Amino acid sequence: MDMYCKTREEGFGDEVKRRIMIGTYVLSAGYYDAYYLKAQKIRRLISEDFKKAFEKCDVILGPSAPSVAFPIGDKKEDPLKMYMQDIYTISTNLAGLPGLSMPGGIDE
């Protein structure tokens, strides 16, 4: 138990712990139907939308994040800003599609 606690405390940052706790909460008995099943239905709809799009094209290009990389710890106090950094990759992940992020451009 001691090793388990230490690896969880030292091995994960605050953002990872926050996301794990949200996932655990959503999958708990009282919220399974309210959140998880609805999310699975939405996931299926997103996947179907991508299948329709790929009938017309082979590749979809878009940004990976809404801003350039920020200094480590810069958004630590604002979980919503941290979450928003993933906003453009979420639909691809939900659809179960592969993705590639490539750096491009220069920030002065």
N, C-alpha and C. Protein backbone atom coordinates (compact mmCIF):
# COMPACT_ATOMS: atom_id res chain seq x y z
N MET A 1 0.83 -1.19 0.00
CA MET A 1 0.00 0.00 0.00
C MET A 1 0.88 1.26 0.00
N ASP A 2 1.99 1.19 0.76
CA ASP A 2 2.90 2.34 0.83
C ASP A 2 3.46 2.66 -0.55
N MET A 3 3.92 1.63 -1.29
CA MET A 3 4.45 1.85 -2.63
C MET A 3 3.38 2.41 -3.56
N TYR A 4 2.17 1.88 -3.47
CA TYR A 4 1.06 2.34 -4.30
C TYR A 4 0.81 3.83 -4.07
N CYS A 5 0.74 4.25 -2.82
CA CYS A 5 0.50 5.66 -2.50
C CYS A 5 1.62 6.55 -2.99
N LYS A 6 2.86 6.10 -2.80
CA LYS A 6 4.00 6.91 -3.24
C LYS A 6 4.04 7.07 -4.75
N THR A 7 3.79 5.98 -5.49
CA THR A 7 3.86 6.08 -6.95
C THR A 7 2.73 6.94 -7.49
N ARG A 8 1.59 6.91 -6.85
CA ARG A 8 0.47 7.74 -7.31
C ARG A 8 0.69 9.21 -6.94
N GLU A 9 1.27 9.44 -5.81
CA GLU A 9 1.51 10.81 -5.35
C GLU A 9 2.64 11.47 -6.13
N GLU A 10 3.74 10.73 -6.33
CA GLU A 10 4.92 11.30 -6.97
C GLU A 10 4.91 11.13 -8.49
N GLY A 11 4.23 10.12 -8.98
CA GLY A 11 4.29 9.80 -10.40
C GLY A 11 3.34 10.59 -11.27
N PHE A 12 2.31 11.17 -10.70
CA PHE A 12 1.31 11.90 -11.48
C PHE A 12 1.24 13.35 -11.04
N GLY A 13 1.10 14.24 -12.01
CA GLY A 13 0.91 15.65 -11.70
C GLY A 13 -0.54 15.93 -11.35
N ASP A 14 -0.81 17.15 -10.95
CA ASP A 14 -2.17 17.53 -10.53
C ASP A 14 -3.20 17.33 -11.65
N GLU A 15 -2.83 17.68 -12.89
CA GLU A 15 -3.79 17.56 -13.99
C GLU A 15 -4.15 16.10 -14.25
N VAL A 16 -3.18 15.22 -14.23
CA VAL A 16 -3.46 13.80 -14.44
C VAL A 16 -4.34 13.26 -13.32
N LYS A 17 -4.03 13.62 -12.09
CA LYS A 17 -4.84 13.18 -10.95
C LYS A 17 -6.27 13.69 -11.08
N ARG A 18 -6.42 14.93 -11.51
CA ARG A 18 -7.75 15.52 -11.68
C ARG A 18 -8.55 14.73 -12.71
N ARG A 19 -7.93 14.39 -13.82
CA ARG A 19 -8.64 13.66 -14.88
C ARG A 19 -8.98 12.24 -14.44
N ILE A 20 -8.11 11.61 -13.69
CA ILE A 20 -8.40 10.28 -13.16
C ILE A 20 -9.59 10.35 -12.22
N MET A 21 -9.63 11.34 -11.36
CA MET A 21 -10.74 11.46 -10.40
C MET A 21 -12.06 11.74 -11.12
N ILE A 22 -12.03 12.55 -12.16
CA ILE A 22 -13.26 12.82 -12.92
C ILE A 22 -13.75 11.53 -13.56
N GLY A 23 -12.83 10.76 -14.16
CA GLY A 23 -13.20 9.49 -14.77
C GLY A 23 -13.77 8.52 -13.76
N THR A 24 -13.18 8.46 -12.59
CA THR A 24 -13.66 7.57 -11.53
C THR A 24 -15.06 7.99 -11.08
N TYR A 25 -15.27 9.28 -10.95
CA TYR A 25 -16.58 9.82 -10.54
C TYR A 25 -17.65 9.47 -11.57
N VAL A 26 -17.35 9.68 -12.84
CA VAL A 26 -18.32 9.44 -13.90
C VAL A 26 -18.69 7.95 -13.98
N LEU A 27 -17.73 7.08 -13.70
CA LEU A 27 -18.00 5.65 -13.79
C LEU A 27 -18.56 5.06 -12.50
N SER A 28 -18.73 5.87 -11.46
CA SER A 28 -19.27 5.36 -10.21
C SER A 28 -20.73 4.96 -10.39
N ALA A 29 -21.22 4.11 -9.53
CA ALA A 29 -22.53 3.49 -9.69
C ALA A 29 -23.67 4.48 -9.95
N GLY A 30 -23.72 5.55 -9.21
CA GLY A 30 -24.84 6.47 -9.34
C GLY A 30 -24.83 7.33 -10.60
N TYR A 31 -23.71 7.37 -11.30
CA TYR A 31 -23.59 8.27 -12.44
C TYR A 31 -23.34 7.54 -13.75
N TYR A 32 -23.23 6.23 -13.70
CA TYR A 32 -22.92 5.45 -14.90
C TYR A 32 -23.93 5.72 -16.01
N ASP A 33 -25.21 5.58 -15.71
CA ASP A 33 -26.23 5.81 -16.74
C ASP A 33 -26.29 7.27 -17.17
N ALA A 34 -26.18 8.16 -16.20
CA ALA A 34 -26.33 9.59 -16.50
C ALA A 34 -25.21 10.10 -17.40
N TYR A 35 -23.98 9.63 -17.20
CA TYR A 35 -22.85 10.18 -17.94
C TYR A 35 -22.27 9.20 -18.94
N TYR A 36 -21.89 8.04 -18.49
CA TYR A 36 -21.14 7.12 -19.34
C TYR A 36 -21.95 6.66 -20.55
N LEU A 37 -23.18 6.22 -20.33
CA LEU A 37 -23.98 5.75 -21.46
C LEU A 37 -24.28 6.86 -22.46
N LYS A 38 -24.55 8.06 -21.97
CA LYS A 38 -24.77 9.19 -22.87
C LYS A 38 -23.50 9.52 -23.65
N ALA A 39 -22.37 9.46 -22.97
CA ALA A 39 -21.09 9.74 -23.62
C ALA A 39 -20.81 8.70 -24.71
N GLN A 40 -21.15 7.45 -24.47
CA GLN A 40 -20.94 6.41 -25.47
C GLN A 40 -21.80 6.67 -26.71
N LYS A 41 -23.01 7.16 -26.52
CA LYS A 41 -23.88 7.49 -27.66
C LYS A 41 -23.29 8.64 -28.46
N ILE A 42 -22.78 9.64 -27.77
CA ILE A 42 -22.16 10.78 -28.45
C ILE A 42 -20.89 10.33 -29.18
N ARG A 43 -20.15 9.45 -28.56
CA ARG A 43 -18.93 8.92 -29.18
C ARG A 43 -19.27 8.23 -30.50
N ARG A 44 -20.35 7.47 -30.51
CA ARG A 44 -20.77 6.79 -31.74
C ARG A 44 -21.14 7.80 -32.83
N LEU A 45 -21.83 8.87 -32.44
CA LEU A 45 -22.20 9.91 -33.41
C LEU A 45 -20.96 10.60 -33.99
N ILE A 46 -19.99 10.87 -33.16
CA ILE A 46 -18.74 11.49 -33.62
C ILE A 46 -18.03 10.56 -34.60
N SER A 47 -17.97 9.29 -34.29
CA SER A 47 -17.34 8.31 -35.16
C SER A 47 -18.05 8.25 -36.51
N GLU A 48 -19.36 8.28 -36.49
CA GLU A 48 -20.13 8.26 -37.75
C GLU A 48 -19.87 9.51 -38.58
N ASP A 49 -19.74 10.65 -37.92
CA ASP A 49 -19.43 11.90 -38.65
C ASP A 49 -18.08 11.80 -39.35
N PHE A 50 -17.09 11.23 -38.67
CA PHE A 50 -15.78 11.06 -39.30
C PHE A 50 -15.87 10.09 -40.47
N LYS A 51 -16.62 9.02 -40.33
CA LYS A 51 -16.76 8.06 -41.44
C LYS A 51 -17.36 8.74 -42.66
N LYS A 52 -18.36 9.59 -42.44
CA LYS A 52 -18.95 10.34 -43.56
C LYS A 52 -17.94 11.29 -44.18
N ALA A 53 -17.15 11.94 -43.36
CA ALA A 53 -16.13 12.87 -43.87
C ALA A 53 -15.09 12.12 -44.71
N PHE A 54 -14.70 10.93 -44.26
CA PHE A 54 -13.68 10.17 -44.98
C PHE A 54 -14.21 9.52 -46.26
N GLU A 55 -15.50 9.63 -46.51
CA GLU A 55 -16.03 9.23 -47.81
C GLU A 55 -15.68 10.26 -48.87
N LYS A 56 -15.38 11.49 -48.41
CA LYS A 56 -15.09 12.60 -49.33
C LYS A 56 -13.62 12.99 -49.35
N CYS A 57 -12.84 12.54 -48.35
CA CYS A 57 -11.43 12.93 -48.29
C CYS A 57 -10.63 11.83 -47.60
N ASP A 58 -9.32 11.94 -47.71
CA ASP A 58 -8.43 10.93 -47.10
C ASP A 58 -7.78 11.42 -45.82
N VAL A 59 -7.64 12.73 -45.67
CA VAL A 59 -6.94 13.31 -44.53
C VAL A 59 -7.68 14.55 -44.06
N ILE A 60 -7.73 14.75 -42.77
CA ILE A 60 -8.29 15.97 -42.21
C ILE A 60 -7.17 16.67 -41.44
N LEU A 61 -6.88 17.89 -41.82
CA LEU A 61 -5.82 18.66 -41.17
C LEU A 61 -6.44 19.75 -40.31
N GLY A 62 -5.83 19.98 -39.18
CA GLY A 62 -6.29 21.06 -38.30
C GLY A 62 -5.26 21.27 -37.20
N PRO A 63 -5.47 22.27 -36.41
CA PRO A 63 -4.51 22.54 -35.32
C PRO A 63 -4.61 21.48 -34.23
N SER A 64 -3.52 21.30 -33.50
CA SER A 64 -3.50 20.37 -32.36
C SER A 64 -3.88 21.06 -31.07
N ALA A 65 -3.61 22.35 -31.00
CA ALA A 65 -3.88 23.12 -29.78
C ALA A 65 -4.22 24.55 -30.17
N PRO A 66 -4.95 25.26 -29.32
CA PRO A 66 -5.35 26.63 -29.64
C PRO A 66 -4.24 27.67 -29.47
N SER A 67 -3.10 27.25 -28.91
CA SER A 67 -2.00 28.20 -28.72
C SER A 67 -0.68 27.44 -28.82
N VAL A 68 0.38 28.18 -28.87
CA VAL A 68 1.70 27.56 -28.87
C VAL A 68 1.98 27.01 -27.47
N ALA A 69 3.03 26.22 -27.36
CA ALA A 69 3.40 25.65 -26.07
C ALA A 69 3.65 26.76 -25.06
N PHE A 70 3.21 26.53 -23.86
CA PHE A 70 3.37 27.52 -22.79
C PHE A 70 4.39 27.00 -21.79
N PRO A 71 4.96 27.88 -21.00
CA PRO A 71 5.95 27.44 -20.01
C PRO A 71 5.36 26.43 -19.02
N ILE A 72 6.17 25.46 -18.61
CA ILE A 72 5.72 24.45 -17.65
C ILE A 72 5.17 25.13 -16.40
N GLY A 73 3.99 24.71 -16.00
CA GLY A 73 3.36 25.25 -14.80
C GLY A 73 2.57 26.52 -15.01
N ASP A 74 2.60 27.07 -16.24
CA ASP A 74 1.94 28.36 -16.51
C ASP A 74 0.43 28.31 -16.29
N LYS A 75 -0.23 27.25 -16.68
CA LYS A 75 -1.69 27.14 -16.57
C LYS A 75 -2.10 26.23 -15.41
N LYS A 76 -1.18 25.95 -14.54
CA LYS A 76 -1.39 25.00 -13.44
C LYS A 76 -2.57 25.37 -12.55
N GLU A 77 -2.80 26.62 -12.36
CA GLU A 77 -3.86 27.07 -11.45
C GLU A 77 -5.23 27.15 -12.12
N ASP A 78 -5.29 26.89 -13.42
CA ASP A 78 -6.57 26.99 -14.13
C ASP A 78 -6.85 25.71 -14.91
N PRO A 79 -7.55 24.75 -14.29
CA PRO A 79 -7.81 23.47 -14.95
C PRO A 79 -8.54 23.60 -16.28
N LEU A 80 -9.41 24.58 -16.42
CA LEU A 80 -10.13 24.76 -17.67
C LEU A 80 -9.17 25.12 -18.81
N LYS A 81 -8.21 25.98 -18.54
CA LYS A 81 -7.23 26.33 -19.57
C LYS A 81 -6.39 25.11 -19.94
N MET A 82 -6.07 24.27 -18.97
CA MET A 82 -5.33 23.04 -19.27
C MET A 82 -6.17 22.13 -20.16
N TYR A 83 -7.43 21.98 -19.83
CA TYR A 83 -8.32 21.14 -20.61
C TYR A 83 -8.46 21.67 -22.03
N MET A 84 -8.56 22.97 -22.17
CA MET A 84 -8.75 23.59 -23.49
C MET A 84 -7.56 23.35 -24.42
N GLN A 85 -6.39 23.05 -23.87
CA GLN A 85 -5.24 22.74 -24.71
C GLN A 85 -5.45 21.44 -25.49
N ASP A 86 -6.36 20.60 -25.03
CA ASP A 86 -6.65 19.32 -25.69
C ASP A 86 -7.86 19.38 -26.60
N ILE A 87 -8.51 20.51 -26.67
CA ILE A 87 -9.83 20.60 -27.30
C ILE A 87 -9.85 20.13 -28.76
N TYR A 88 -8.78 20.37 -29.51
CA TYR A 88 -8.78 19.98 -30.93
C TYR A 88 -8.45 18.51 -31.15
N THR A 89 -7.97 17.82 -30.14
CA THR A 89 -7.62 16.41 -30.32
C THR A 89 -8.68 15.47 -29.75
N ILE A 90 -9.62 15.99 -29.02
CA ILE A 90 -10.61 15.15 -28.34
C ILE A 90 -11.49 14.37 -29.31
N SER A 91 -11.99 15.02 -30.36
CA SER A 91 -12.90 14.31 -31.27
C SER A 91 -12.21 13.15 -31.97
N THR A 92 -10.96 13.32 -32.35
CA THR A 92 -10.22 12.24 -32.99
C THR A 92 -10.06 11.07 -32.02
N ASN A 93 -9.72 11.37 -30.77
CA ASN A 93 -9.57 10.32 -29.77
C ASN A 93 -10.89 9.60 -29.54
N LEU A 94 -11.97 10.34 -29.43
CA LEU A 94 -13.27 9.72 -29.20
C LEU A 94 -13.69 8.82 -30.35
N ALA A 95 -13.31 9.21 -31.57
CA ALA A 95 -13.67 8.42 -32.74
C ALA A 95 -12.76 7.21 -32.91
N GLY A 96 -11.72 7.11 -32.10
CA GLY A 96 -10.80 5.98 -32.19
C GLY A 96 -9.90 6.05 -33.41
N LEU A 97 -9.61 7.24 -33.86
CA LEU A 97 -8.78 7.43 -35.05
C LEU A 97 -7.35 7.77 -34.68
N PRO A 98 -6.42 7.41 -35.55
CA PRO A 98 -5.03 7.81 -35.30
C PRO A 98 -4.87 9.30 -35.56
N GLY A 99 -3.90 9.89 -34.92
CA GLY A 99 -3.64 11.30 -35.12
C GLY A 99 -2.15 11.56 -35.08
N LEU A 100 -1.76 12.70 -35.62
CA LEU A 100 -0.37 13.09 -35.64
C LEU A 100 -0.30 14.58 -35.36
N SER A 101 0.53 14.95 -34.42
CA SER A 101 0.76 16.37 -34.14
C SER A 101 2.17 16.72 -34.59
N MET A 102 2.26 17.73 -35.41
CA MET A 102 3.56 18.18 -35.90
C MET A 102 3.74 19.64 -35.55
N PRO A 103 4.92 20.00 -35.04
CA PRO A 103 5.15 21.41 -34.77
C PRO A 103 5.22 22.18 -36.08
N GLY A 104 4.69 23.36 -36.05
CA GLY A 104 4.74 24.19 -37.25
C GLY A 104 4.70 25.65 -36.89
N GLY A 105 5.48 26.44 -37.56
CA GLY A 105 5.50 27.86 -37.28
C GLY A 105 6.44 28.20 -36.16
N ILE A 106 6.54 29.48 -35.90
CA ILE A 106 7.45 29.99 -34.88
C ILE A 106 6.72 30.99 -34.02
N ASP A 107 6.91 30.92 -32.73
CA ASP A 107 6.36 31.91 -31.83
C ASP A 107 7.50 32.82 -31.38
N GLU A 108 7.30 34.08 -31.55
CA GLU A 108 8.36 35.02 -31.18
C GLU A 108 8.16 35.44 -29.75
